[in-house]
Amino acid sequence: INANVFMLYGLASFGMKEQALQVAQKIVSLLASGIRRNPREAKRGAAWRECYSSDDGGDLAADGFLNWNTLAGSLLDNLRKGVNPFDLGLEATDATNSLQFV
């Protein structure tokens, strides 16, 4: 989930907002389906997983893993509003200069 979220904010920042929103909706739907599929586990806070199959979206590992999945809670809203929570406000002056963190 986390790698996808970073990628989606990157796509949106490069003008591909609609594509980012399409994929974001699929991620949110995947997480929601895990809760619907496992209502007992959802009540215990164990319905989400750390990993999902890229073939069929099935659960793969770490039941109850909540950490990265919480990124999806604000993902669609942030993309629609143009908010990137990972934007550090740093910009390179040109392609030959690398960013320097102080």
N, C-alpha and C. Protein backbone atom coordinates (compact mmCIF):
# COMPACT_ATOMS: atom_id res chain seq x y z
N ILE A 1 0.84 -1.19 0.00
CA ILE A 1 0.00 0.00 0.00
C ILE A 1 0.88 1.25 0.00
N ASN A 2 1.90 1.27 0.84
CA ASN A 2 2.71 2.49 0.96
C ASN A 2 3.40 2.88 -0.34
N ALA A 3 3.96 1.92 -1.06
CA ALA A 3 4.63 2.25 -2.33
C ALA A 3 3.63 2.80 -3.34
N ASN A 4 2.44 2.23 -3.36
CA ASN A 4 1.40 2.72 -4.26
C ASN A 4 0.99 4.15 -3.92
N VAL A 5 0.86 4.43 -2.64
CA VAL A 5 0.46 5.77 -2.21
C VAL A 5 1.51 6.80 -2.62
N PHE A 6 2.78 6.50 -2.39
CA PHE A 6 3.84 7.43 -2.80
C PHE A 6 3.79 7.65 -4.31
N MET A 7 3.60 6.57 -5.06
CA MET A 7 3.53 6.68 -6.51
C MET A 7 2.36 7.57 -6.95
N LEU A 8 1.22 7.40 -6.29
CA LEU A 8 0.03 8.16 -6.68
C LEU A 8 0.21 9.65 -6.44
N TYR A 9 0.80 10.03 -5.32
CA TYR A 9 1.07 11.45 -5.09
C TYR A 9 2.06 11.98 -6.12
N GLY A 10 3.01 11.15 -6.52
CA GLY A 10 3.94 11.55 -7.57
C GLY A 10 3.25 11.75 -8.90
N LEU A 11 2.38 10.82 -9.27
CA LEU A 11 1.62 10.97 -10.51
C LEU A 11 0.81 12.26 -10.51
N ALA A 12 0.12 12.51 -9.41
CA ALA A 12 -0.71 13.71 -9.31
C ALA A 12 0.14 14.97 -9.44
N SER A 13 1.33 14.96 -8.83
CA SER A 13 2.17 16.16 -8.88
C SER A 13 2.75 16.40 -10.28
N PHE A 14 2.73 15.37 -11.13
CA PHE A 14 3.20 15.52 -12.51
C PHE A 14 2.04 15.64 -13.49
N GLY A 15 0.87 16.05 -12.97
CA GLY A 15 -0.26 16.33 -13.84
C GLY A 15 -1.11 15.14 -14.24
N MET A 16 -0.93 14.03 -13.58
CA MET A 16 -1.70 12.83 -13.91
C MET A 16 -2.71 12.52 -12.81
N LYS A 17 -3.45 13.54 -12.42
CA LYS A 17 -4.38 13.43 -11.30
C LYS A 17 -5.48 12.40 -11.55
N GLU A 18 -6.06 12.38 -12.73
CA GLU A 18 -7.15 11.44 -13.01
C GLU A 18 -6.67 10.00 -12.93
N GLN A 19 -5.49 9.72 -13.46
CA GLN A 19 -4.94 8.37 -13.38
C GLN A 19 -4.67 7.99 -11.93
N ALA A 20 -4.14 8.94 -11.16
CA ALA A 20 -3.87 8.69 -9.75
C ALA A 20 -5.17 8.40 -9.00
N LEU A 21 -6.22 9.14 -9.30
CA LEU A 21 -7.50 8.92 -8.65
C LEU A 21 -8.09 7.55 -9.00
N GLN A 22 -7.91 7.11 -10.23
CA GLN A 22 -8.43 5.80 -10.63
C GLN A 22 -7.76 4.68 -9.83
N VAL A 23 -6.44 4.76 -9.71
CA VAL A 23 -5.72 3.73 -8.96
C VAL A 23 -6.03 3.85 -7.46
N ALA A 24 -6.13 5.07 -6.96
CA ALA A 24 -6.45 5.28 -5.55
C ALA A 24 -7.79 4.66 -5.20
N GLN A 25 -8.76 4.80 -6.08
CA GLN A 25 -10.07 4.20 -5.83
C GLN A 25 -9.96 2.68 -5.73
N LYS A 26 -9.11 2.09 -6.55
CA LYS A 26 -8.93 0.64 -6.49
C LYS A 26 -8.28 0.22 -5.17
N ILE A 27 -7.34 1.01 -4.68
CA ILE A 27 -6.69 0.70 -3.40
C ILE A 27 -7.70 0.80 -2.26
N VAL A 28 -8.46 1.86 -2.23
CA VAL A 28 -9.46 2.04 -1.18
C VAL A 28 -10.49 0.91 -1.25
N SER A 29 -10.90 0.54 -2.45
CA SER A 29 -11.86 -0.56 -2.61
C SER A 29 -11.28 -1.88 -2.13
N LEU A 30 -10.00 -2.12 -2.40
CA LEU A 30 -9.34 -3.33 -1.94
C LEU A 30 -9.36 -3.41 -0.41
N LEU A 31 -9.00 -2.32 0.24
CA LEU A 31 -8.99 -2.31 1.70
C LEU A 31 -10.39 -2.47 2.27
N ALA A 32 -11.37 -1.82 1.66
CA ALA A 32 -12.74 -1.95 2.12
C ALA A 32 -13.25 -3.37 1.93
N SER A 33 -12.85 -4.02 0.85
CA SER A 33 -13.32 -5.39 0.62
C SER A 33 -12.76 -6.34 1.68
N GLY A 34 -11.56 -6.06 2.17
CA GLY A 34 -11.00 -6.87 3.25
C GLY A 34 -11.84 -6.79 4.51
N ILE A 35 -12.38 -5.61 4.78
CA ILE A 35 -13.24 -5.44 5.95
C ILE A 35 -14.57 -6.16 5.72
N ARG A 36 -15.13 -6.01 4.54
CA ARG A 36 -16.41 -6.67 4.24
C ARG A 36 -16.26 -8.20 4.23
N ARG A 37 -15.13 -8.69 3.74
CA ARG A 37 -14.88 -10.12 3.65
C ARG A 37 -14.67 -10.76 5.02
N ASN A 38 -14.18 -9.97 5.96
CA ASN A 38 -13.79 -10.49 7.28
C ASN A 38 -14.43 -9.68 8.40
N PRO A 39 -15.75 -9.67 8.52
CA PRO A 39 -16.40 -8.81 9.52
C PRO A 39 -15.99 -9.13 10.95
N ARG A 40 -15.79 -10.40 11.27
CA ARG A 40 -15.35 -10.75 12.64
C ARG A 40 -13.96 -10.20 12.92
N GLU A 41 -13.08 -10.35 11.93
CA GLU A 41 -11.72 -9.82 12.08
C GLU A 41 -11.75 -8.29 12.15
N ALA A 42 -12.65 -7.68 11.40
CA ALA A 42 -12.76 -6.22 11.41
C ALA A 42 -13.12 -5.72 12.81
N LYS A 43 -14.00 -6.43 13.49
CA LYS A 43 -14.39 -6.04 14.85
C LYS A 43 -13.21 -6.12 15.81
N ARG A 44 -12.29 -7.03 15.54
CA ARG A 44 -11.08 -7.17 16.37
C ARG A 44 -9.94 -6.27 15.89
N GLY A 45 -10.16 -5.56 14.78
CA GLY A 45 -9.10 -4.73 14.20
C GLY A 45 -8.08 -5.52 13.42
N ALA A 46 -8.47 -6.69 12.94
CA ALA A 46 -7.52 -7.57 12.26
C ALA A 46 -7.88 -7.86 10.81
N ALA A 47 -8.71 -7.02 10.20
CA ALA A 47 -9.18 -7.31 8.83
C ALA A 47 -8.20 -6.90 7.75
N TRP A 48 -7.33 -5.95 8.01
CA TRP A 48 -6.39 -5.52 6.99
C TRP A 48 -5.11 -6.32 7.07
N ARG A 49 -4.40 -6.37 5.97
CA ARG A 49 -3.14 -7.12 5.88
C ARG A 49 -2.01 -6.18 5.46
N GLU A 50 -0.81 -6.66 5.63
CA GLU A 50 0.35 -5.89 5.18
C GLU A 50 0.52 -6.01 3.67
N CYS A 51 0.19 -7.17 3.12
CA CYS A 51 0.40 -7.42 1.70
C CYS A 51 -0.85 -8.02 1.07
N TYR A 52 -1.03 -7.71 -0.20
CA TYR A 52 -2.14 -8.23 -0.98
C TYR A 52 -1.61 -8.78 -2.29
N SER A 53 -2.26 -9.78 -2.81
CA SER A 53 -1.86 -10.39 -4.08
C SER A 53 -2.12 -9.42 -5.23
N SER A 54 -1.14 -9.25 -6.09
CA SER A 54 -1.33 -8.40 -7.26
C SER A 54 -2.16 -9.11 -8.32
N ASP A 55 -2.34 -10.41 -8.18
CA ASP A 55 -3.16 -11.17 -9.13
C ASP A 55 -4.65 -11.03 -8.84
N ASP A 56 -5.03 -11.21 -7.57
CA ASP A 56 -6.46 -11.23 -7.27
C ASP A 56 -6.87 -10.37 -6.07
N GLY A 57 -5.92 -9.66 -5.45
CA GLY A 57 -6.24 -8.81 -4.30
C GLY A 57 -6.43 -9.58 -3.02
N GLY A 58 -6.14 -10.87 -3.03
CA GLY A 58 -6.30 -11.70 -1.84
C GLY A 58 -5.32 -11.32 -0.74
N ASP A 59 -5.70 -11.66 0.49
CA ASP A 59 -4.85 -11.37 1.65
C ASP A 59 -3.59 -12.24 1.60
N LEU A 60 -2.44 -11.64 1.92
CA LEU A 60 -1.20 -12.41 1.90
C LEU A 60 -0.51 -12.49 3.26
N ALA A 61 -0.42 -11.43 3.99
CA ALA A 61 0.42 -11.49 5.19
C ALA A 61 -0.03 -10.50 6.25
N ALA A 62 0.37 -10.78 7.47
CA ALA A 62 0.27 -9.88 8.62
C ALA A 62 -1.15 -9.40 8.89
N ASP A 63 -2.01 -10.33 9.29
CA ASP A 63 -3.37 -9.91 9.62
C ASP A 63 -3.33 -8.90 10.76
N GLY A 64 -4.22 -7.94 10.69
CA GLY A 64 -4.26 -6.89 11.70
C GLY A 64 -3.27 -5.76 11.45
N PHE A 65 -2.56 -5.81 10.33
CA PHE A 65 -1.58 -4.77 10.02
C PHE A 65 -2.31 -3.50 9.62
N LEU A 66 -2.16 -2.47 10.40
CA LEU A 66 -2.93 -1.25 10.18
C LEU A 66 -2.08 -0.08 9.74
N ASN A 67 -0.82 -0.10 9.98
CA ASN A 67 0.05 1.05 9.82
C ASN A 67 -0.06 1.75 8.48
N TRP A 68 0.42 1.14 7.39
CA TRP A 68 0.42 1.81 6.09
C TRP A 68 -0.98 1.95 5.51
N ASN A 69 -1.87 1.05 5.88
CA ASN A 69 -3.22 1.08 5.33
C ASN A 69 -3.96 2.36 5.71
N THR A 70 -3.57 2.98 6.80
CA THR A 70 -4.25 4.20 7.22
C THR A 70 -4.00 5.34 6.24
N LEU A 71 -2.97 5.23 5.40
CA LEU A 71 -2.73 6.24 4.37
C LEU A 71 -3.92 6.36 3.43
N ALA A 72 -4.64 5.27 3.25
CA ALA A 72 -5.78 5.28 2.34
C ALA A 72 -6.95 6.10 2.88
N GLY A 73 -6.98 6.34 4.18
CA GLY A 73 -8.07 7.09 4.78
C GLY A 73 -8.24 8.48 4.22
N SER A 74 -7.14 9.11 3.87
CA SER A 74 -7.19 10.48 3.33
C SER A 74 -6.74 10.56 1.88
N LEU A 75 -6.40 9.44 1.28
CA LEU A 75 -5.82 9.42 -0.06
C LEU A 75 -6.71 10.07 -1.11
N LEU A 76 -7.93 9.61 -1.25
CA LEU A 76 -8.82 10.16 -2.29
C LEU A 76 -9.08 11.65 -2.07
N ASP A 77 -9.36 12.02 -0.84
CA ASP A 77 -9.64 13.42 -0.53
C ASP A 77 -8.42 14.30 -0.83
N ASN A 78 -7.23 13.84 -0.42
CA ASN A 78 -6.02 14.61 -0.69
C ASN A 78 -5.77 14.78 -2.18
N LEU A 79 -5.93 13.70 -2.94
CA LEU A 79 -5.70 13.79 -4.38
C LEU A 79 -6.69 14.74 -5.04
N ARG A 80 -7.94 14.68 -4.63
CA ARG A 80 -8.95 15.58 -5.20
C ARG A 80 -8.65 17.03 -4.90
N LYS A 81 -8.13 17.31 -3.70
CA LYS A 81 -7.84 18.69 -3.28
C LYS A 81 -6.45 19.16 -3.70
N GLY A 82 -5.64 18.25 -4.23
CA GLY A 82 -4.29 18.63 -4.62
C GLY A 82 -3.33 18.73 -3.45
N VAL A 83 -3.62 18.02 -2.37
CA VAL A 83 -2.78 18.03 -1.18
C VAL A 83 -1.83 16.84 -1.23
N ASN A 84 -0.54 17.10 -1.06
CA ASN A 84 0.46 16.03 -0.99
C ASN A 84 1.11 16.10 0.39
N PRO A 85 0.76 15.19 1.29
CA PRO A 85 1.32 15.24 2.63
C PRO A 85 2.82 14.97 2.69
N PHE A 86 3.39 14.49 1.60
CA PHE A 86 4.82 14.20 1.56
C PHE A 86 5.63 15.32 0.91
N ASP A 87 4.97 16.38 0.50
CA ASP A 87 5.66 17.51 -0.13
C ASP A 87 6.46 18.26 0.93
N LEU A 88 7.76 18.26 0.78
CA LEU A 88 8.64 18.94 1.72
C LEU A 88 8.90 20.39 1.34
N GLY A 89 8.34 20.82 0.22
CA GLY A 89 8.55 22.19 -0.21
C GLY A 89 9.92 22.44 -0.79
N LEU A 90 10.63 21.37 -1.14
CA LEU A 90 11.97 21.50 -1.71
C LEU A 90 11.89 21.32 -3.22
N GLU A 91 12.59 22.15 -3.94
CA GLU A 91 12.62 22.02 -5.40
C GLU A 91 14.05 22.17 -5.89
N ALA A 92 14.40 21.40 -6.89
CA ALA A 92 15.70 21.56 -7.52
C ALA A 92 15.62 22.75 -8.46
N THR A 93 16.71 23.54 -8.54
CA THR A 93 16.70 24.71 -9.41
C THR A 93 16.80 24.32 -10.88
N ASP A 94 17.47 23.22 -11.15
CA ASP A 94 17.49 22.68 -12.51
C ASP A 94 17.85 21.21 -12.46
N ALA A 95 17.81 20.55 -13.59
CA ALA A 95 18.02 19.09 -13.63
C ALA A 95 19.43 18.68 -13.25
N THR A 96 20.40 19.60 -13.31
CA THR A 96 21.78 19.21 -12.98
C THR A 96 22.06 19.33 -11.50
N ASN A 97 21.24 20.04 -10.76
CA ASN A 97 21.44 20.17 -9.30
C ASN A 97 20.62 19.12 -8.58
N SER A 98 21.22 18.50 -7.60
CA SER A 98 20.46 17.56 -6.79
C SER A 98 19.95 18.27 -5.55
N LEU A 99 18.90 17.73 -4.98
CA LEU A 99 18.37 18.30 -3.75
C LEU A 99 19.34 18.04 -2.62
N GLN A 100 19.52 19.03 -1.76
CA GLN A 100 20.37 18.84 -0.60
C GLN A 100 19.53 19.07 0.65
N PHE A 101 19.57 18.11 1.55
CA PHE A 101 18.83 18.23 2.78
C PHE A 101 19.77 18.71 3.87
N VAL A 102 19.36 19.72 4.59
CA VAL A 102 20.20 20.32 5.63
C VAL A 102 19.71 19.90 6.98
